[in-house]
Amino acid sequence: MSTPLSRRAALGGLGLGAAAATFAAAAPASAADDERGSGPGHLRRVYERQKTKAGGVWHSHVAAVNAAGVLETVIADDVDAIVDGYSVQKVAVAVAVMDKIDRGELQLNQKLDLQADIILGGSGIYHLHTVWGDDITVANFLTALLLVSDNTAVRMCGRVVPALEINQILAAKGFVNTRVIPVANPNRFFLGKTTPAEMHDLLWRLANKTLLSAKSCDFLLSIMRWVNGYHDGIRRNMSSNERSRVAIKYGADFNTLGAGRHEVGIMFDSSGAPALTFAFFADSLDGLDNYGATHPAVEAHAVLGRKLFDSIPAPVAQAAARTTRPTVDLTPFRQVNGG
């Protein structure tokens, strides 16, 4: 069967799920219902309403820690669908780079030259420099990769961890479908495929510091949580402190099915314990050239983000769980006025 052609061709030059779980249609909800209620049933109704409003085809997984400290599935909608991950895949690429660092074969402070002939446009910052040749650290381009979804950073990652090695690392970590797509140049690749179930698994293990060393997990999470990152979707209707409790990665592109607008991440309670994961993949959408906050799927993410965040119990209701679940430093954002 042929794979729909993605616009991300420039980059080529880049579980939880047992059987596929299909979200059962919930009872229709009114707009007023979106403003009240609580619990998994309410969240599923809100999800169904927003999904219908946005259109397209959705594949989603949401899981939350309950008051007893047990992770429960809240939304399971076609969780084993193999989808184009677009820039969500950059999390998996970063994990592969950090795995090589954990094994002592690479260092965060190792420097590579930022070559003019690898610069890519689209999302990111490196193409805006207009002059290149800097020596930048692995930490530098990983930060650009996850914070501003820099496309050139993908190629920088490929220079230190070739495409086949990325896939070997992901396979060794138990991921069956999350893969980049190699091309003739071993250091380049297409961003490839994933599933909502596998992305949930990756995120949950990252949050609990079992996917990589604790230090490497903290490094990636600190970037994904930072308040200068993506705000149009899940984190739109949140304060700066609330945003710092949400580790996020989005992906946006289109293929022959239509536009894709994805968002995945982890929410932490106010004590720093991981409390909830979400993986929203929506494709076959309209609005191919709308990458802003007004895209209907992104607007749906904004509604869902606020509702999911508000559903997280206070830590006092999770006292038993807090003794066993790892925490992440949630140092609040402080502005600095130069000097």
C-alpha atoms as a PDB file:
ATOM      1  CA  MET A   1       0.000   0.000   0.000  1.00  0.00           C
ATOM      2  CA  SER A   2       1.458   3.396  -0.911  1.00  0.00           C
ATOM      3  CA  THR A   3       2.264   5.953   1.754  1.00  0.00           C
ATOM      4  CA  PRO A   4       0.766   9.441   1.348  1.00  0.00           C
ATOM      5  CA  LEU A   5       3.462  11.864   0.214  1.00  0.00           C
ATOM      6  CA  SER A   6       4.465  14.347   2.922  1.00  0.00           C
ATOM      7  CA  ARG A   7       5.506  17.951   2.354  1.00  0.00           C
ATOM      8  CA  ARG A   8       8.432  17.254   4.719  1.00  0.00           C
ATOM      9  CA  ALA A   9      10.518  15.978   1.801  1.00  0.00           C
ATOM     10  CA  ALA A  10      13.142  18.622   2.497  1.00  0.00           C
ATOM     11  CA  LEU A  11      14.058  16.848   5.702  1.00  0.00           C
ATOM     12  CA  GLY A  12      14.821  13.666   3.809  1.00  0.00           C
ATOM     13  CA  GLY A  13      17.518  15.083   1.959  1.00  0.00           C
ATOM     14  CA  LEU A  14      15.668  13.713   5.995  1.00  0.00           C
ATOM     15  CA  GLY A  15       2.893  -0.097  24.471  1.00  0.00           C
ATOM     16  CA  LEU A  16       0.396   0.755  25.791  1.00  0.00           C
ATOM     17  CA  GLY A  17      -1.639  -0.588  22.924  1.00  0.00           C
ATOM     18  CA  ALA A  18      -2.251  -4.219  22.542  1.00  0.00           C
ATOM     19  CA  ALA A  19      -5.067  -4.377  20.007  1.00  0.00           C
ATOM     20  CA  ALA A  20      -6.267  -1.157  18.407  1.00  0.00           C
ATOM     21  CA  ALA A  21      -8.630   0.610  20.765  1.00  0.00           C
ATOM     22  CA  THR A  22     -11.385   2.632  19.190  1.00  0.00           C
ATOM     23  CA  PHE A  23     -12.968   5.486  21.071  1.00  0.00           C
ATOM     24  CA  ALA A  24     -16.594   4.732  21.777  1.00  0.00           C
ATOM     25  CA  ALA A  25     -18.862   7.531  20.665  1.00  0.00           C
ATOM     26  CA  ALA A  26     -19.945   9.567  23.656  1.00  0.00           C
ATOM     27  CA  ALA A  27     -23.284  11.152  24.177  1.00  0.00           C
ATOM     28  CA  PRO A  28     -23.555  14.518  22.397  1.00  0.00           C
ATOM     29  CA  ALA A  29     -22.434  17.393  24.569  1.00  0.00           C
ATOM     30  CA  SER A  30     -23.625  20.962  24.459  1.00  0.00           C
ATOM     31  CA  ALA A  31     -21.276  23.952  24.607  1.00  0.00           C
ATOM     32  CA  ALA A  32     -22.357  24.486  28.190  1.00  0.00           C
ATOM     33  CA  ASP A  33     -21.256  20.947  29.046  1.00  0.00           C
ATOM     34  CA  ASP A  34     -17.691  21.911  28.092  1.00  0.00           C
ATOM     35  CA  GLU A  35     -17.643  24.421  30.941  1.00  0.00           C
ATOM     36  CA  ARG A  36     -18.636  22.119  33.761  1.00  0.00           C
ATOM     37  CA  GLY A  37     -18.230  18.587  34.962  1.00  0.00           C
ATOM     38  CA  SER A  38     -15.189  16.507  35.837  1.00  0.00           C
ATOM     39  CA  GLY A  39     -13.815  13.016  35.608  1.00  0.00           C
ATOM     40  CA  PRO A  40     -12.896  10.749  32.688  1.00  0.00           C
ATOM     41  CA  GLY A  41     -16.419  10.648  31.287  1.00  0.00           C
ATOM     42  CA  HIS A  42     -16.570  14.417  31.094  1.00  0.00           C
ATOM     43  CA  LEU A  43     -13.145  14.594  29.430  1.00  0.00           C
ATOM     44  CA  ARG A  44     -14.219  12.036  26.848  1.00  0.00           C
ATOM     45  CA  ARG A  45     -17.326  14.086  26.048  1.00  0.00           C
ATOM     46  CA  VAL A  46     -15.247  17.229  25.639  1.00  0.00           C
ATOM     47  CA  TYR A  47     -12.819  15.338  23.405  1.00  0.00           C
ATOM     48  CA  GLU A  48     -15.624  13.996  21.212  1.00  0.00           C
ATOM     49  CA  ARG A  49     -17.146  17.446  20.864  1.00  0.00           C
ATOM     50  CA  GLN A  50     -13.848  19.106  19.932  1.00  0.00           C
ATOM     51  CA  LYS A  51     -12.898  16.315  17.549  1.00  0.00           C
ATOM     52  CA  THR A  52     -16.222  16.628  15.711  1.00  0.00           C
ATOM     53  CA  LYS A  53     -15.955  20.400  15.582  1.00  0.00           C
ATOM     54  CA  ALA A  54     -12.406  20.344  14.168  1.00  0.00           C
ATOM     55  CA  GLY A  55     -13.107  17.634  11.593  1.00  0.00           C
ATOM     56  CA  GLY A  56     -10.544  15.295  10.098  1.00  0.00           C
ATOM     57  CA  VAL A  57      -9.538  11.890  11.426  1.00  0.00           C
ATOM     58  CA  TRP A  58      -8.186  11.717  14.984  1.00  0.00           C
ATOM     59  CA  HIS A  59      -5.987   9.114  16.674  1.00  0.00           C
ATOM     60  CA  SER A  60      -5.528   9.902  20.354  1.00  0.00           C
ATOM     61  CA  HIS A  61      -4.374   8.581  23.691  1.00  0.00           C
ATOM     62  CA  VAL A  62      -4.736  10.235  27.096  1.00  0.00           C
ATOM     63  CA  ALA A  63      -3.821   8.587  30.400  1.00  0.00           C
ATOM     64  CA  ALA A  64      -3.894  10.062  33.892  1.00  0.00           C
ATOM     65  CA  VAL A  65      -2.741   9.056  37.354  1.00  0.00           C
ATOM     66  CA  ASN A  66      -5.725   8.594  39.653  1.00  0.00           C
ATOM     67  CA  ALA A  67      -5.904   9.399  43.364  1.00  0.00           C
ATOM     68  CA  ALA A  68      -4.501   5.956  44.186  1.00  0.00           C
ATOM     69  CA  GLY A  69      -1.421   6.606  42.061  1.00  0.00           C
ATOM     70  CA  VAL A  70      -2.462   4.221  39.276  1.00  0.00           C
ATOM     71  CA  LEU A  71      -2.171   5.236  35.622  1.00  0.00           C
ATOM     72  CA  GLU A  72      -5.548   4.923  33.913  1.00  0.00           C
ATOM     73  CA  THR A  73      -6.488   5.352  30.274  1.00  0.00           C
ATOM     74  CA  VAL A  74      -8.872   8.277  29.869  1.00  0.00           C
ATOM     75  CA  ILE A  75      -9.190   8.491  26.072  1.00  0.00           C
ATOM     76  CA  ALA A  76      -8.330   5.695  23.641  1.00  0.00           C
ATOM     77  CA  ASP A  77      -9.165   6.548  20.064  1.00  0.00           C
ATOM     78  CA  ASP A  78      -7.481   4.357  17.425  1.00  0.00           C
ATOM     79  CA  VAL A  79      -4.320   4.288  19.547  1.00  0.00           C
ATOM     80  CA  ASP A  80      -2.393   1.835  17.375  1.00  0.00           C
ATOM     81  CA  ALA A  81      -2.886   3.740  14.128  1.00  0.00           C
ATOM     82  CA  ILE A  82       0.455   4.200  12.357  1.00  0.00           C
ATOM     83  CA  VAL A  83       0.613   7.878  11.465  1.00  0.00           C
ATOM     84  CA  ASP A  84       3.046  10.408  10.041  1.00  0.00           C
ATOM     85  CA  GLY A  85       4.524  11.867  13.209  1.00  0.00           C
ATOM     86  CA  TYR A  86       5.849  15.010  11.529  1.00  0.00           C
ATOM     87  CA  SER A  87       7.779  17.118  14.054  1.00  0.00           C
ATOM     88  CA  VAL A  88       6.480  15.064  16.995  1.00  0.00           C
ATOM     89  CA  GLN A  89       9.127  12.567  15.810  1.00  0.00           C
ATOM     90  CA  LYS A  90      11.813  15.010  16.891  1.00  0.00           C
ATOM     91  CA  VAL A  91      11.262  13.789  20.448  1.00  0.00           C
ATOM     92  CA  ALA A  92      12.183  10.251  19.384  1.00  0.00           C
ATOM     93  CA  VAL A  93      15.232  11.582  17.519  1.00  0.00           C
ATOM     94  CA  ALA A  94      16.330  13.497  20.638  1.00  0.00           C
ATOM     95  CA  VAL A  95      15.889  10.343  22.733  1.00  0.00           C
ATOM     96  CA  ALA A  96      18.212   8.462  20.365  1.00  0.00           C
ATOM     97  CA  VAL A  97      20.860  11.190  20.678  1.00  0.00           C
ATOM     98  CA  MET A  98      20.605  11.163  24.479  1.00  0.00           C
ATOM     99  CA  ASP A  99      20.838   7.368  24.522  1.00  0.00           C
ATOM    100  CA  LYS A 100      24.191   7.637  22.748  1.00  0.00           C
ATOM    101  CA  ILE A 101      25.264  10.219  25.351  1.00  0.00           C
ATOM    102  CA  ASP A 102      24.219   7.876  28.166  1.00  0.00           C
ATOM    103  CA  ARG A 103      26.448   5.193  26.632  1.00  0.00           C
ATOM    104  CA  GLY A 104      29.421   7.558  26.641  1.00  0.00           C
ATOM    105  CA  GLU A 105      29.741   7.673  22.847  1.00  0.00           C
ATOM    106  CA  LEU A 106      28.770  11.332  22.589  1.00  0.00           C
ATOM    107  CA  GLN A 107      28.754  14.382  24.876  1.00  0.00           C
ATOM    108  CA  LEU A 108      26.376  17.312  25.222  1.00  0.00           C
ATOM    109  CA  ASN A 109      29.291  19.735  25.003  1.00  0.00           C
ATOM    110  CA  GLN A 110      30.692  18.172  21.813  1.00  0.00           C
ATOM    111  CA  LYS A 111      30.758  20.759  19.019  1.00  0.00           C
ATOM    112  CA  LEU A 112      29.877  20.531  15.329  1.00  0.00           C
ATOM    113  CA  ASP A 113      30.123  23.235  12.696  1.00  0.00           C
ATOM    114  CA  LEU A 114      26.827  24.630  11.459  1.00  0.00           C
ATOM    115  CA  GLN A 115      27.402  24.228   7.741  1.00  0.00           C
ATOM    116  CA  ALA A 116      25.648  26.458   5.214  1.00  0.00           C
ATOM    117  CA  ASP A 117      24.803  23.520   2.937  1.00  0.00           C
ATOM    118  CA  ILE A 118      22.643  21.758   5.552  1.00  0.00           C
ATOM    119  CA  ILE A 119      20.447  24.737   6.443  1.00  0.00           C
ATOM    120  CA  LEU A 120      16.707  24.099   6.053  1.00  0.00           C
ATOM    121  CA  GLY A 121      13.849  26.570   6.158  1.00  0.00           C
ATOM    122  CA  GLY A 122      10.485  26.154   7.794  1.00  0.00           C
ATOM    123  CA  SER A 123      10.303  26.011  11.574  1.00  0.00           C
ATOM    124  CA  GLY A 124      13.353  26.920  13.584  1.00  0.00           C
ATOM    125  CA  ILE A 125      15.965  29.622  14.027  1.00  0.00           C
ATOM    126  CA  TYR A 126      19.166  28.599  12.249  1.00  0.00           C
ATOM    127  CA  HIS A 127      17.931  29.564   8.782  1.00  0.00           C
ATOM    128  CA  LEU A 128      17.315  33.098  10.087  1.00  0.00           C
ATOM    129  CA  HIS A 129      21.014  33.686  10.805  1.00  0.00           C
ATOM    130  CA  THR A 130      21.786  34.390   7.107  1.00  0.00           C
ATOM    131  CA  VAL A 131      25.445  33.629   7.842  1.00  0.00           C
ATOM    132  CA  TRP A 132      26.687  30.277   9.101  1.00  0.00           C
ATOM    133  CA  GLY A 133      29.831  28.499  10.196  1.00  0.00           C
ATOM    134  CA  ASP A 134      29.381  28.583  13.985  1.00  0.00           C
ATOM    135  CA  ASP A 135      30.642  25.736  16.127  1.00  0.00           C
ATOM    136  CA  ILE A 136      27.636  24.700  18.226  1.00  0.00           C
ATOM    137  CA  THR A 137      27.245  22.047  20.897  1.00  0.00           C
ATOM    138  CA  VAL A 138      24.995  19.009  20.783  1.00  0.00           C
ATOM    139  CA  ALA A 139      23.080  20.644  23.651  1.00  0.00           C
ATOM    140  CA  ASN A 140      22.558  23.707  21.462  1.00  0.00           C
ATOM    141  CA  PHE A 141      20.943  21.937  18.527  1.00  0.00           C
ATOM    142  CA  LEU A 142      18.897  19.611  20.754  1.00  0.00           C
ATOM    143  CA  THR A 143      17.461  22.696  22.450  1.00  0.00           C
ATOM    144  CA  ALA A 144      16.609  24.202  19.051  1.00  0.00           C
ATOM    145  CA  LEU A 145      15.152  20.861  17.938  1.00  0.00           C
ATOM    146  CA  LEU A 146      12.657  20.619  20.799  1.00  0.00           C
ATOM    147  CA  LEU A 147      12.008  24.235  21.794  1.00  0.00           C
ATOM    148  CA  VAL A 148      11.422  25.765  18.344  1.00  0.00           C
ATOM    149  CA  SER A 149      11.230  22.546  16.275  1.00  0.00           C
ATOM    150  CA  ASP A 150      14.254  23.543  14.195  1.00  0.00           C
ATOM    151  CA  ASN A 151      14.484  21.569  10.942  1.00  0.00           C
ATOM    152  CA  THR A 152      18.209  22.119  10.477  1.00  0.00           C
ATOM    153  CA  ALA A 153      18.700  20.592  13.939  1.00  0.00           C
ATOM    154  CA  VAL A 154      17.296  17.328  12.537  1.00  0.00           C
ATOM    155  CA  ARG A 155      20.214  17.190  10.142  1.00  0.00           C
ATOM    156  CA  MET A 156      22.637  18.037  12.949  1.00  0.00           C
ATOM    157  CA  CYS A 157      21.245  15.068  14.916  1.00  0.00           C
ATOM    158  CA  GLY A 158      21.755  12.852  11.872  1.00  0.00           C
ATOM    159  CA  ARG A 159      25.434  13.786  11.812  1.00  0.00           C
ATOM    160  CA  VAL A 160      25.975  12.296  15.289  1.00  0.00           C
ATOM    161  CA  VAL A 161      23.404   9.473  15.180  1.00  0.00           C
ATOM    162  CA  PRO A 162      22.759   8.138  11.643  1.00  0.00           C
ATOM    163  CA  ALA A 163      19.259   7.116  10.613  1.00  0.00           C
ATOM    164  CA  LEU A 164      19.787   3.365  10.929  1.00  0.00           C
ATOM    165  CA  GLU A 165      21.256   3.797  14.406  1.00  0.00           C
ATOM    166  CA  ILE A 166      18.286   5.911  15.470  1.00  0.00           C
ATOM    167  CA  ASN A 167      15.961   3.099  14.443  1.00  0.00           C
ATOM    168  CA  GLN A 168      18.117   0.498  16.199  1.00  0.00           C
ATOM    169  CA  ILE A 169      17.992   2.510  19.420  1.00  0.00           C
ATOM    170  CA  LEU A 170      14.218   2.902  19.203  1.00  0.00           C
ATOM    171  CA  ALA A 171      13.792  -0.815  18.526  1.00  0.00           C
ATOM    172  CA  ALA A 172      16.001  -1.691  21.505  1.00  0.00           C
ATOM    173  CA  LYS A 173      13.752   0.445  23.697  1.00  0.00           C
ATOM    174  CA  GLY A 174      10.737  -1.584  22.641  1.00  0.00           C
ATOM    175  CA  PHE A 175       9.201   0.681  20.018  1.00  0.00           C
ATOM    176  CA  VAL A 176       7.876  -1.299  17.071  1.00  0.00           C
ATOM    177  CA  ASN A 177       6.445   1.410  14.832  1.00  0.00           C
ATOM    178  CA  THR A 178       8.229   4.613  15.841  1.00  0.00           C
ATOM    179  CA  ARG A 179      10.864   5.005  13.155  1.00  0.00           C
ATOM    180  CA  VAL A 180      12.592   7.543  10.954  1.00  0.00           C
ATOM    181  CA  ILE A 181      12.850   6.748   7.256  1.00  0.00           C
ATOM    182  CA  PRO A 182      16.440   6.419   5.966  1.00  0.00           C
ATOM    183  CA  VAL A 183      17.508   7.826   2.596  1.00  0.00           C
ATOM    184  CA  ALA A 184      20.656   7.418   0.458  1.00  0.00           C
ATOM    185  CA  ASN A 185      22.659   9.762   2.671  1.00  0.00           C
ATOM    186  CA  PRO A 186      23.054   7.797   5.950  1.00  0.00           C
ATOM    187  CA  ASN A 187      23.002  11.016   7.982  1.00  0.00           C
ATOM    188  CA  ARG A 188      19.678  12.225   6.550  1.00  0.00           C
ATOM    189  CA  PHE A 189      16.166  10.878   6.953  1.00  0.00           C
ATOM    190  CA  PHE A 190      12.469  11.558   6.732  1.00  0.00           C
ATOM    191  CA  LEU A 191      10.887  11.994  10.161  1.00  0.00           C
ATOM    192  CA  GLY A 192       8.736   8.903   9.722  1.00  0.00           C
ATOM    193  CA  LYS A 193       5.960   7.182  11.650  1.00  0.00           C
ATOM    194  CA  THR A 194       4.678   6.554  15.148  1.00  0.00           C
ATOM    195  CA  THR A 195       1.448   5.610  16.963  1.00  0.00           C
ATOM    196  CA  PRO A 196      -0.444   7.312  19.799  1.00  0.00           C
ATOM    197  CA  ALA A 197       0.171   4.273  22.035  1.00  0.00           C
ATOM    198  CA  GLU A 198       3.922   4.253  21.444  1.00  0.00           C
ATOM    199  CA  MET A 199       4.188   8.007  21.917  1.00  0.00           C
ATOM    200  CA  HIS A 200       2.342   7.671  25.227  1.00  0.00           C
ATOM    201  CA  ASP A 201       4.794   4.963  26.256  1.00  0.00           C
ATOM    202  CA  LEU A 202       7.777   7.116  25.275  1.00  0.00           C
ATOM    203  CA  LEU A 203       6.440  10.126  27.184  1.00  0.00           C
ATOM    204  CA  TRP A 204       5.504   8.189  30.311  1.00  0.00           C
ATOM    205  CA  ARG A 205       8.902   6.508  30.513  1.00  0.00           C
ATOM    206  CA  LEU A 206      10.575   9.873  29.926  1.00  0.00           C
ATOM    207  CA  ALA A 207       8.555  11.460  32.737  1.00  0.00           C
ATOM    208  CA  ASN A 208       9.351   8.578  35.095  1.00  0.00           C
ATOM    209  CA  LYS A 209      13.040   8.612  34.128  1.00  0.00           C
ATOM    210  CA  THR A 210      13.138   5.016  32.918  1.00  0.00           C
ATOM    211  CA  LEU A 211      13.620   5.725  29.203  1.00  0.00           C
ATOM    212  CA  LEU A 212      17.092   7.223  29.655  1.00  0.00           C
ATOM    213  CA  SER A 213      19.300   8.168  32.591  1.00  0.00           C
ATOM    214  CA  ALA A 214      17.610  10.521  35.047  1.00  0.00           C
ATOM    215  CA  LYS A 215      19.966  13.317  33.984  1.00  0.00           C
ATOM    216  CA  SER A 216      19.148  12.857  30.301  1.00  0.00           C
ATOM    217  CA  CYS A 217      15.396  12.699  30.963  1.00  0.00           C
ATOM    218  CA  ASP A 218      15.599  15.916  32.988  1.00  0.00           C
ATOM    219  CA  PHE A 219      17.531  17.629  30.203  1.00  0.00           C
ATOM    220  CA  LEU A 220      14.895  16.844  27.560  1.00  0.00           C
ATOM    221  CA  LEU A 221      11.976  17.622  29.872  1.00  0.00           C
ATOM    222  CA  SER A 222      13.453  20.980  30.878  1.00  0.00           C
ATOM    223  CA  ILE A 223      13.461  22.023  27.217  1.00  0.00           C
ATOM    224  CA  MET A 224       9.984  20.694  26.458  1.00  0.00           C
ATOM    225  CA  ARG A 225       8.555  22.444  29.530  1.00  0.00           C
ATOM    226  CA  TRP A 226      10.158  25.821  28.961  1.00  0.00           C
ATOM    227  CA  VAL A 227       7.778  28.763  28.515  1.00  0.00           C
ATOM    228  CA  ASN A 228       9.390  29.998  25.295  1.00  0.00           C
ATOM    229  CA  GLY A 229       8.119  26.932  23.450  1.00  0.00           C
ATOM    230  CA  TYR A 230       4.908  26.260  21.538  1.00  0.00           C
ATOM    231  CA  HIS A 231       1.812  28.011  22.915  1.00  0.00           C
ATOM    232  CA  ASP A 232      -0.837  27.904  20.193  1.00  0.00           C
ATOM    233  CA  GLY A 233      -2.444  24.628  21.251  1.00  0.00           C
ATOM    234  CA  ILE A 234      -2.513  22.753  24.563  1.00  0.00           C
ATOM    235  CA  ARG A 235      -0.748  25.532  26.516  1.00  0.00           C
ATOM    236  CA  ARG A 236      -2.622  28.482  24.981  1.00  0.00           C
ATOM    237  CA  ASN A 237      -4.977  29.243  27.857  1.00  0.00           C
ATOM    238  CA  MET A 238      -2.485  28.870  30.702  1.00  0.00           C
ATOM    239  CA  SER A 239      -0.365  31.120  32.895  1.00  0.00           C
ATOM    240  CA  SER A 240       3.422  30.990  32.602  1.00  0.00           C
ATOM    241  CA  ASN A 241       3.633  28.828  35.727  1.00  0.00           C
ATOM    242  CA  GLU A 242       0.981  26.470  34.396  1.00  0.00           C
ATOM    243  CA  ARG A 243       2.789  26.236  31.068  1.00  0.00           C
ATOM    244  CA  SER A 244       5.970  25.232  32.889  1.00  0.00           C
ATOM    245  CA  ARG A 245       4.107  22.186  34.183  1.00  0.00           C
ATOM    246  CA  VAL A 246       3.427  20.936  30.633  1.00  0.00           C
ATOM    247  CA  ALA A 247       6.150  19.323  28.529  1.00  0.00           C
ATOM    248  CA  ILE A 248       5.066  19.729  24.919  1.00  0.00           C
ATOM    249  CA  LYS A 249       5.911  18.856  21.330  1.00  0.00           C
ATOM    250  CA  TYR A 250       3.813  19.637  18.304  1.00  0.00           C
ATOM    251  CA  GLY A 251       3.962  18.541  14.698  1.00  0.00           C
ATOM    252  CA  ALA A 252       2.290  20.171  11.701  1.00  0.00           C
ATOM    253  CA  ASP A 253       2.452  19.343   8.010  1.00  0.00           C
ATOM    254  CA  PHE A 254       0.285  17.880   5.255  1.00  0.00           C
ATOM    255  CA  ASN A 255       0.205  14.931   2.890  1.00  0.00           C
ATOM    256  CA  THR A 256      -2.188  13.613   0.248  1.00  0.00           C
ATOM    257  CA  LEU A 257      -4.811  13.001   2.958  1.00  0.00           C
ATOM    258  CA  GLY A 258      -4.844  16.645   4.019  1.00  0.00           C
ATOM    259  CA  ALA A 259      -3.355  18.670   6.845  1.00  0.00           C
ATOM    260  CA  GLY A 260      -1.986  17.072   9.997  1.00  0.00           C
ATOM    261  CA  ARG A 261      -1.932  18.870  13.337  1.00  0.00           C
ATOM    262  CA  HIS A 262      -0.448  16.855  16.213  1.00  0.00           C
ATOM    263  CA  GLU A 263       0.399  17.621  19.810  1.00  0.00           C
ATOM    264  CA  VAL A 264       1.832  15.344  22.491  1.00  0.00           C
ATOM    265  CA  GLY A 265       3.127  15.887  25.992  1.00  0.00           C
ATOM    266  CA  ILE A 266       3.165  15.363  29.733  1.00  0.00           C
ATOM    267  CA  MET A 267       1.417  17.323  32.478  1.00  0.00           C
ATOM    268  CA  PHE A 268       2.858  17.469  36.003  1.00  0.00           C
ATOM    269  CA  ASP A 269       1.063  18.173  39.252  1.00  0.00           C
ATOM    270  CA  SER A 270       2.150  21.091  41.432  1.00  0.00           C
ATOM    271  CA  SER A 271       4.591  18.875  43.355  1.00  0.00           C
ATOM    272  CA  GLY A 272       6.431  17.993  40.140  1.00  0.00           C
ATOM    273  CA  ALA A 273       5.091  14.452  39.789  1.00  0.00           C
ATOM    274  CA  PRO A 274       3.996  13.328  36.300  1.00  0.00           C
ATOM    275  CA  ALA A 275       0.216  13.238  36.327  1.00  0.00           C
ATOM    276  CA  LEU A 276      -1.041  12.877  32.755  1.00  0.00           C
ATOM    277  CA  THR A 277       0.105  12.140  29.217  1.00  0.00           C
ATOM    278  CA  PHE A 278      -1.634  13.135  26.023  1.00  0.00           C
ATOM    279  CA  ALA A 279      -1.026  12.258  22.381  1.00  0.00           C
ATOM    280  CA  PHE A 280      -3.349  13.903  19.862  1.00  0.00           C
ATOM    281  CA  PHE A 281      -2.766  13.078  16.187  1.00  0.00           C
ATOM    282  CA  ALA A 282      -5.240  14.571  13.718  1.00  0.00           C
ATOM    283  CA  ASP A 283      -4.958  14.226   9.935  1.00  0.00           C
ATOM    284  CA  SER A 284      -7.176  14.551   6.838  1.00  0.00           C
ATOM    285  CA  LEU A 285      -7.830  18.127   7.941  1.00  0.00           C
ATOM    286  CA  ASP A 286      -8.507  21.290   5.966  1.00  0.00           C
ATOM    287  CA  GLY A 287      -6.350  24.382   6.390  1.00  0.00           C
ATOM    288  CA  LEU A 288      -3.169  23.034   4.834  1.00  0.00           C
ATOM    289  CA  ASP A 289      -1.360  26.377   4.996  1.00  0.00           C
ATOM    290  CA  ASN A 290      -2.689  27.543   8.361  1.00  0.00           C
ATOM    291  CA  TYR A 291      -0.003  26.780  10.938  1.00  0.00           C
ATOM    292  CA  GLY A 292      -1.355  29.260  13.472  1.00  0.00           C
ATOM    293  CA  ALA A 293      -3.641  29.279  16.469  1.00  0.00           C
ATOM    294  CA  THR A 294      -6.784  29.662  14.357  1.00  0.00           C
ATOM    295  CA  HIS A 295      -6.539  26.220  12.758  1.00  0.00           C
ATOM    296  CA  PRO A 296      -9.630  24.301  13.985  1.00  0.00           C
ATOM    297  CA  ALA A 297      -7.578  21.346  15.279  1.00  0.00           C
ATOM    298  CA  VAL A 298      -5.229  23.679  17.146  1.00  0.00           C
ATOM    299  CA  GLU A 299      -8.209  25.470  18.652  1.00  0.00           C
ATOM    300  CA  ALA A 300      -9.488  22.058  19.764  1.00  0.00           C
ATOM    301  CA  HIS A 301      -6.119  21.362  21.391  1.00  0.00           C
ATOM    302  CA  ALA A 302      -6.410  24.618  23.328  1.00  0.00           C
ATOM    303  CA  VAL A 303      -9.796  23.620  24.765  1.00  0.00           C
ATOM    304  CA  LEU A 304      -8.568  20.111  25.580  1.00  0.00           C
ATOM    305  CA  GLY A 305      -5.382  21.414  27.187  1.00  0.00           C
ATOM    306  CA  ARG A 306      -7.246  23.582  29.652  1.00  0.00           C
ATOM    307  CA  LYS A 307      -9.689  20.816  30.530  1.00  0.00           C
ATOM    308  CA  LEU A 308      -6.948  18.208  30.986  1.00  0.00           C
ATOM    309  CA  PHE A 309      -4.839  20.520  33.127  1.00  0.00           C
ATOM    310  CA  ASP A 310      -7.806  21.384  35.345  1.00  0.00           C
ATOM    311  CA  SER A 311      -8.500  17.677  35.841  1.00  0.00           C
ATOM    312  CA  ILE A 312      -5.156  17.062  37.587  1.00  0.00           C
ATOM    313  CA  PRO A 313      -5.778  16.432  41.309  1.00  0.00           C
ATOM    314  CA  ALA A 314      -3.938  18.435  43.935  1.00  0.00           C
ATOM    315  CA  PRO A 315      -0.878  16.567  45.255  1.00  0.00           C
ATOM    316  CA  VAL A 316      -2.521  16.138  48.651  1.00  0.00           C
ATOM    317  CA  ALA A 317      -4.956  13.754  46.962  1.00  0.00           C
ATOM    318  CA  GLN A 318      -2.022  11.718  45.667  1.00  0.00           C
ATOM    319  CA  ALA A 319       0.086  11.423  48.805  1.00  0.00           C
ATOM    320  CA  ALA A 320       0.741   7.707  48.384  1.00  0.00           C
ATOM    321  CA  ALA A 321       1.696   8.111  44.764  1.00  0.00           C
ATOM    322  CA  ARG A 322       4.099  10.978  45.462  1.00  0.00           C
ATOM    323  CA  THR A 323       6.318   8.703  47.525  1.00  0.00           C
ATOM    324  CA  THR A 324       6.997   6.442  44.564  1.00  0.00           C
ATOM    325  CA  ARG A 325       6.728   8.648  41.490  1.00  0.00           C
ATOM    326  CA  PRO A 326       9.775  10.700  40.458  1.00  0.00           C
ATOM    327  CA  THR A 327       9.461  14.456  40.331  1.00  0.00           C
ATOM    328  CA  VAL A 328      10.860  17.095  38.014  1.00  0.00           C
ATOM    329  CA  ASP A 329      12.134  20.455  39.231  1.00  0.00           C
ATOM    330  CA  LEU A 330       9.445  23.016  38.463  1.00  0.00           C
ATOM    331  CA  THR A 331      11.441  26.181  39.071  1.00  0.00           C
ATOM    332  CA  PRO A 332       9.076  28.980  38.059  1.00  0.00           C
ATOM    333  CA  PHE A 333       9.851  31.287  35.165  1.00  0.00           C
ATOM    334  CA  ARG A 334      11.479  34.570  36.144  1.00  0.00           C
ATOM    335  CA  GLN A 335      11.978  37.389  33.652  1.00  0.00           C
ATOM    336  CA  VAL A 336      15.396  39.083  33.444  1.00  0.00           C
ATOM    337  CA  ASN A 337      15.791  42.647  32.208  1.00  0.00           C
ATOM    338  CA  GLY A 338      19.398  42.464  31.020  1.00  0.00           C
ATOM    339  CA  GLY A 339      22.261  43.924  33.050  1.00  0.00           C
END
